[in-house]
Amino acid sequence: MLSIENLTMSVRDHQILRGVSVEVAEGETVGLVGESGSGKSTTARAALRILPDGAEVSGNVTVCGHDATNSVAVREVRRTLAAMIFQEPRSVLNPVRRIGDSAAERLVYVHGMPKSEARQRISELFVEVGLKDVDRLLRCYPHQLSGGMLQRVVIAAALSITPRLLLADEATSALDVTTQAEVLALLRRLQREREMGVLFITHDLRLAAAYCDRVYVMKEGSIVDHQKGDAIFVNPTQQYTKALADAVPLLPERDSTVRA
């Protein structure tokens, strides 16, 4: 689904990515973790050629067999094969546009689908991702929905093209624990039903280990570790990975002798 080989990116002589290589197979969930500023989101955006002004990029990127370094091919990749869930849904939804219009925008303006047909497609997807009272939601504005509902909206919008590859960038970071679990279960179900490959970007190390088949660890724009999800933080092979795992705060064990 996704093959990134030796991806390097510089902006105004400042190197952002340093020889990054990542693989995601069909039906696989691959985690990309690291500290803030390590290059996780930049890697995902660069894979789809969503680049900052002045960026200089080298390396090979293949998405579903298409050369994503080719400007013509990458447009087709972004149109029909790959979708991205960006961080914090409130930052990507236009606050003065109704939810239905924002969610259907890609179908209407990129795929040329009639607005009525696109609205029906989005309505069906809203139901699929667990949203209720869909007719009302389509008329709402972003500020009228909770964080969990907005996250489902952007997931539905991403799935509207039936992608084979989904890039989920901190898709649950702004959610409470209960809503996070619901969204993760939803993504897992949809992934299995559609056999999608998923690149799951997160700063939550424990979540990545539990949720992902494999995990890459990034530091200062480079991949510094790569292991199976259930092993990477249990028996880390790299000192940096161990340091990240040790930095995760743990709740103290409750004294069983203390009565409530």
Protein backbone atom coordinates (compact mmCIF):
# COMPACT_ATOMS: atom_id res chain seq x y z
CA MET A 1 0.00 0.00 0.00
CA LEU A 2 2.75 2.44 0.96
CA SER A 3 6.48 2.30 0.37
CA ILE A 4 8.70 5.19 1.42
CA GLU A 5 12.39 4.78 0.64
CA ASN A 6 15.14 7.15 1.76
CA LEU A 7 12.82 10.17 1.92
CA THR A 8 14.69 13.39 2.61
CA MET A 9 13.25 16.88 2.86
CA SER A 10 14.81 20.27 3.44
CA VAL A 11 13.17 23.67 3.80
CA ARG A 12 15.36 26.76 3.38
CA ASP A 13 18.54 24.72 4.00
CA HIS A 14 17.09 23.23 7.18
CA GLN A 15 16.86 19.44 6.96
CA ILE A 16 13.48 18.15 8.19
CA LEU A 17 13.55 14.48 7.12
CA ARG A 18 16.70 12.40 6.91
CA GLY A 19 16.49 9.23 4.83
CA VAL A 20 13.11 8.02 6.13
CA SER A 21 11.97 4.54 5.01
CA VAL A 22 8.53 3.16 5.96
CA GLU A 23 6.44 0.27 4.61
CA VAL A 24 2.70 -0.40 5.04
CA ALA A 25 1.14 -3.58 3.59
CA GLU A 26 -2.48 -4.23 2.64
CA GLY A 27 -4.66 -4.65 5.71
CA GLU A 28 -1.79 -3.70 8.04
CA THR A 29 -1.71 -1.03 10.74
CA VAL A 30 1.73 0.53 11.12
CA GLY A 31 2.52 2.99 13.87
CA LEU A 32 4.78 6.04 13.56
CA VAL A 33 5.71 7.44 16.97
CA GLY A 34 8.12 9.95 18.43
CA GLU A 35 8.36 13.24 20.24
CA SER A 36 6.66 16.38 18.97
CA GLY A 37 8.71 17.78 16.10
CA SER A 38 10.32 14.44 15.25
CA GLY A 39 8.88 14.46 11.72
CA LYS A 40 5.90 12.09 11.98
CA SER A 41 3.26 14.34 10.42
CA THR A 42 5.76 15.72 7.90
CA THR A 43 6.49 12.18 6.70
CA ALA A 44 2.80 11.46 6.08
CA ARG A 45 2.23 14.78 4.33
CA ALA A 46 5.35 14.36 2.20
CA ALA A 47 4.14 10.90 1.12
CA LEU A 48 1.15 12.61 -0.50
CA ARG A 49 3.21 15.60 -1.63
CA ILE A 50 1.50 18.01 0.75
CA LEU A 51 4.63 20.10 1.14
CA PRO A 52 5.51 23.46 2.70
CA ASP A 53 6.63 26.30 0.45
CA GLY A 54 10.25 26.00 -0.54
CA ALA A 55 10.55 22.31 0.29
CA GLU A 56 13.20 20.27 -1.50
CA VAL A 57 12.43 16.55 -1.50
CA SER A 58 14.29 13.45 -2.63
CA GLY A 59 13.67 9.72 -2.29
CA ASN A 60 11.07 7.28 -3.57
CA VAL A 61 7.41 7.06 -2.55
CA THR A 62 5.01 4.48 -3.95
CA VAL A 63 1.31 4.40 -3.04
CA CYS A 64 -0.73 1.42 -4.25
CA GLY A 65 1.78 0.87 -7.04
CA HIS A 66 1.81 4.50 -8.19
CA ASP A 67 4.91 6.67 -8.12
CA ALA A 68 3.86 9.45 -5.77
CA THR A 69 6.86 11.57 -6.67
CA ASN A 70 5.29 12.15 -10.08
CA SER A 71 3.00 15.20 -10.06
CA VAL A 72 0.44 13.59 -12.37
CA ALA A 73 0.42 10.26 -10.52
CA VAL A 74 0.14 11.86 -7.09
CA ARG A 75 -3.04 13.67 -8.11
CA GLU A 76 -4.60 10.32 -8.99
CA VAL A 77 -3.33 8.85 -5.71
CA ARG A 78 -4.93 11.63 -3.68
CA ARG A 79 -8.11 11.53 -5.75
CA THR A 80 -8.92 7.82 -5.51
CA LEU A 81 -6.38 5.75 -3.55
CA ALA A 82 -5.23 7.50 -0.37
CA ALA A 83 -6.84 9.68 2.25
CA MET A 84 -5.56 11.47 5.31
CA ILE A 85 -7.19 12.22 8.65
CA PHE A 86 -5.53 15.38 9.92
CA GLN A 87 -4.90 16.39 13.52
CA GLU A 88 -7.70 18.12 15.44
CA PRO A 89 -10.87 18.11 13.32
CA ARG A 90 -11.86 21.65 14.32
CA SER A 91 -8.75 22.94 12.57
CA VAL A 92 -9.57 21.31 9.22
CA LEU A 93 -13.32 21.97 9.01
CA ASN A 94 -14.39 25.41 7.82
CA PRO A 95 -16.19 27.01 10.81
CA VAL A 96 -18.61 28.95 8.57
CA ARG A 97 -19.62 26.02 6.36
CA ARG A 98 -22.18 23.39 7.25
CA ILE A 99 -20.85 19.94 8.08
CA GLY A 100 -22.57 18.34 5.10
CA ASP A 101 -21.02 20.76 2.62
CA SER A 102 -17.52 20.31 4.06
CA ALA A 103 -17.73 16.51 4.17
CA ALA A 104 -19.04 16.27 0.57
CA GLU A 105 -16.63 18.85 -0.88
CA ARG A 106 -14.14 16.28 -2.22
CA LEU A 107 -16.83 14.26 -3.97
CA VAL A 108 -18.36 17.34 -5.61
CA TYR A 109 -15.31 19.35 -6.64
CA VAL A 110 -12.75 16.58 -7.24
CA HIS A 111 -14.92 13.71 -8.46
CA GLY A 112 -17.62 15.81 -10.14
CA MET A 113 -20.42 14.06 -8.28
CA PRO A 114 -23.81 15.85 -8.23
CA LYS A 115 -24.42 17.53 -4.89
CA SER A 116 -27.51 15.45 -4.16
CA GLU A 117 -25.63 12.21 -4.81
CA ALA A 118 -22.64 13.36 -2.76
CA ARG A 119 -24.93 14.31 0.13
CA GLN A 120 -26.53 10.86 0.03
CA ARG A 121 -23.10 9.21 0.04
CA ILE A 122 -21.98 11.27 3.04
CA SER A 123 -25.23 10.49 4.85
CA GLU A 124 -24.59 6.77 4.42
CA LEU A 125 -21.03 7.14 5.68
CA PHE A 126 -22.19 9.15 8.71
CA VAL A 127 -24.38 6.20 9.64
CA GLU A 128 -21.50 3.79 9.00
CA VAL A 129 -19.20 5.64 11.39
CA GLY A 130 -21.83 5.66 14.13
CA LEU A 131 -23.40 9.10 13.81
CA LYS A 132 -27.12 9.52 14.44
CA ASP A 133 -29.75 12.07 13.44
CA VAL A 134 -27.84 12.52 10.19
CA ASP A 135 -30.19 14.99 8.52
CA ARG A 136 -29.73 17.41 11.41
CA LEU A 137 -25.96 16.91 11.54
CA LEU A 138 -25.58 17.74 7.85
CA ARG A 139 -27.04 21.18 8.57
CA CYS A 140 -24.90 21.83 11.66
CA TYR A 141 -21.75 23.92 11.93
CA PRO A 142 -18.55 22.53 13.50
CA HIS A 143 -18.98 24.43 16.78
CA GLN A 144 -22.29 22.64 17.33
CA LEU A 145 -20.71 19.17 17.48
CA SER A 146 -18.56 17.49 20.12
CA GLY A 147 -14.97 16.48 19.48
CA GLY A 148 -15.92 12.84 19.09
CA MET A 149 -18.65 13.64 16.57
CA LEU A 150 -16.30 15.86 14.55
CA GLN A 151 -13.70 13.10 14.52
CA ARG A 152 -16.29 10.75 13.04
CA VAL A 153 -17.20 13.40 10.47
CA VAL A 154 -13.61 13.72 9.21
CA ILE A 155 -13.24 9.92 9.16
CA ALA A 156 -16.40 9.68 7.06
CA ALA A 157 -15.10 12.37 4.70
CA ALA A 158 -11.77 10.53 4.34
CA LEU A 159 -13.56 7.26 3.60
CA SER A 160 -15.82 8.82 0.98
CA ILE A 161 -13.44 7.84 -1.84
CA THR A 162 -13.07 4.25 -0.49
CA PRO A 163 -9.30 4.61 -0.06
CA ARG A 164 -6.91 1.67 -0.04
CA LEU A 165 -4.48 3.61 2.19
CA LEU A 166 -5.44 5.74 5.20
CA LEU A 167 -2.98 8.09 6.88
CA ALA A 168 -4.30 8.81 10.38
CA ASP A 169 -2.39 11.72 11.91
CA GLU A 170 -3.08 11.90 15.66
CA ALA A 171 -6.66 10.91 14.88
CA THR A 172 -7.56 10.40 18.55
CA SER A 173 -5.25 12.81 20.40
CA ALA A 174 -7.95 15.41 21.12
CA LEU A 175 -10.48 12.88 22.43
CA ASP A 176 -11.30 11.61 25.90
CA VAL A 177 -10.41 8.00 26.70
CA THR A 178 -13.91 6.59 26.09
CA THR A 179 -14.37 8.37 22.75
CA GLN A 180 -10.83 7.43 21.74
CA ALA A 181 -11.60 3.75 22.27
CA GLU A 182 -14.78 4.05 20.19
CA VAL A 183 -12.97 5.77 17.31
CA LEU A 184 -10.15 3.21 17.34
CA ALA A 185 -12.63 0.35 17.28
CA LEU A 186 -14.40 2.05 14.38
CA LEU A 187 -11.15 2.45 12.41
CA ARG A 188 -10.22 -1.17 13.08
CA ARG A 189 -13.62 -2.41 11.85
CA LEU A 190 -13.56 -0.29 8.71
CA GLN A 191 -9.98 -1.32 8.00
CA ARG A 192 -10.88 -5.01 8.12
CA GLU A 193 -14.00 -4.55 6.02
CA ARG A 194 -12.16 -2.54 3.35
CA GLU A 195 -8.71 -4.22 3.68
CA MET A 196 -7.05 -0.83 4.00
CA GLY A 197 -3.47 -0.22 4.91
CA VAL A 198 -3.22 2.30 7.78
CA LEU A 199 -0.32 4.49 8.84
CA PHE A 200 -1.22 5.44 12.41
CA ILE A 201 0.69 8.49 13.66
CA THR A 202 0.64 9.12 17.39
CA HIS A 203 2.70 10.38 20.30
CA ASP A 204 1.00 7.82 22.58
CA LEU A 205 3.54 5.02 22.80
CA ARG A 206 1.37 2.58 24.71
CA LEU A 207 -1.49 3.08 22.28
CA ALA A 208 0.78 2.43 19.30
CA ALA A 209 2.12 -0.75 20.87
CA ALA A 210 -1.38 -2.07 21.57
CA TYR A 211 -3.03 -0.99 18.33
CA CYS A 212 -0.38 -1.44 15.63
CA ASP A 213 1.08 -4.51 13.96
CA ARG A 214 4.47 -2.82 13.63
CA VAL A 215 5.88 0.44 14.98
CA TYR A 216 8.52 2.82 13.64
CA VAL A 217 10.16 5.26 16.06
CA MET A 218 11.27 8.68 14.80
CA LYS A 219 13.81 11.08 16.25
CA GLU A 220 14.91 14.37 14.70
CA GLY A 221 13.63 13.45 11.24
CA SER A 222 15.06 9.91 11.14
CA ILE A 223 13.75 6.40 11.79
CA VAL A 224 15.74 5.09 14.76
CA ASP A 225 13.86 1.88 15.57
CA HIS A 226 11.40 -0.56 14.03
CA GLN A 227 9.82 -3.61 15.68
CA LYS A 228 6.55 -5.47 16.08
CA GLY A 229 4.01 -3.52 18.08
CA ASP A 230 3.75 -6.01 20.92
CA ALA A 231 7.52 -6.05 21.42
CA ILE A 232 8.89 -2.60 20.77
CA PHE A 233 8.31 -1.14 24.23
CA VAL A 234 8.52 -4.41 26.14
CA ASN A 235 12.04 -5.24 24.96
CA PRO A 236 13.32 -2.09 23.23
CA THR A 237 16.55 -2.59 21.30
CA GLN A 238 17.44 1.10 21.07
CA GLN A 239 18.26 3.35 23.99
CA TYR A 240 16.07 6.14 22.61
CA THR A 241 13.06 3.81 22.40
CA LYS A 242 13.68 2.72 25.99
CA ALA A 243 13.90 6.35 27.08
CA LEU A 244 10.56 7.11 25.41
CA ALA A 245 8.94 4.11 27.09
CA ASP A 246 10.39 5.05 30.50
CA ALA A 247 9.08 8.61 30.11
CA VAL A 248 5.45 7.47 29.99
CA PRO A 249 3.89 8.32 33.38
CA LEU A 250 2.28 5.43 35.22
CA LEU A 251 -0.39 5.63 37.90
CA PRO A 252 0.84 4.40 41.29
CA GLU A 253 -0.49 1.03 42.36
CA ARG A 254 -3.36 1.26 44.76
CA ASP A 255 -2.64 0.06 48.26
CA SER A 256 -4.98 -2.89 48.79
CA THR A 257 -4.87 -2.31 52.53
CA VAL A 258 -6.55 1.09 52.19
CA ARG A 259 -10.32 0.80 52.37
CA ALA A 260 -12.52 3.12 50.35
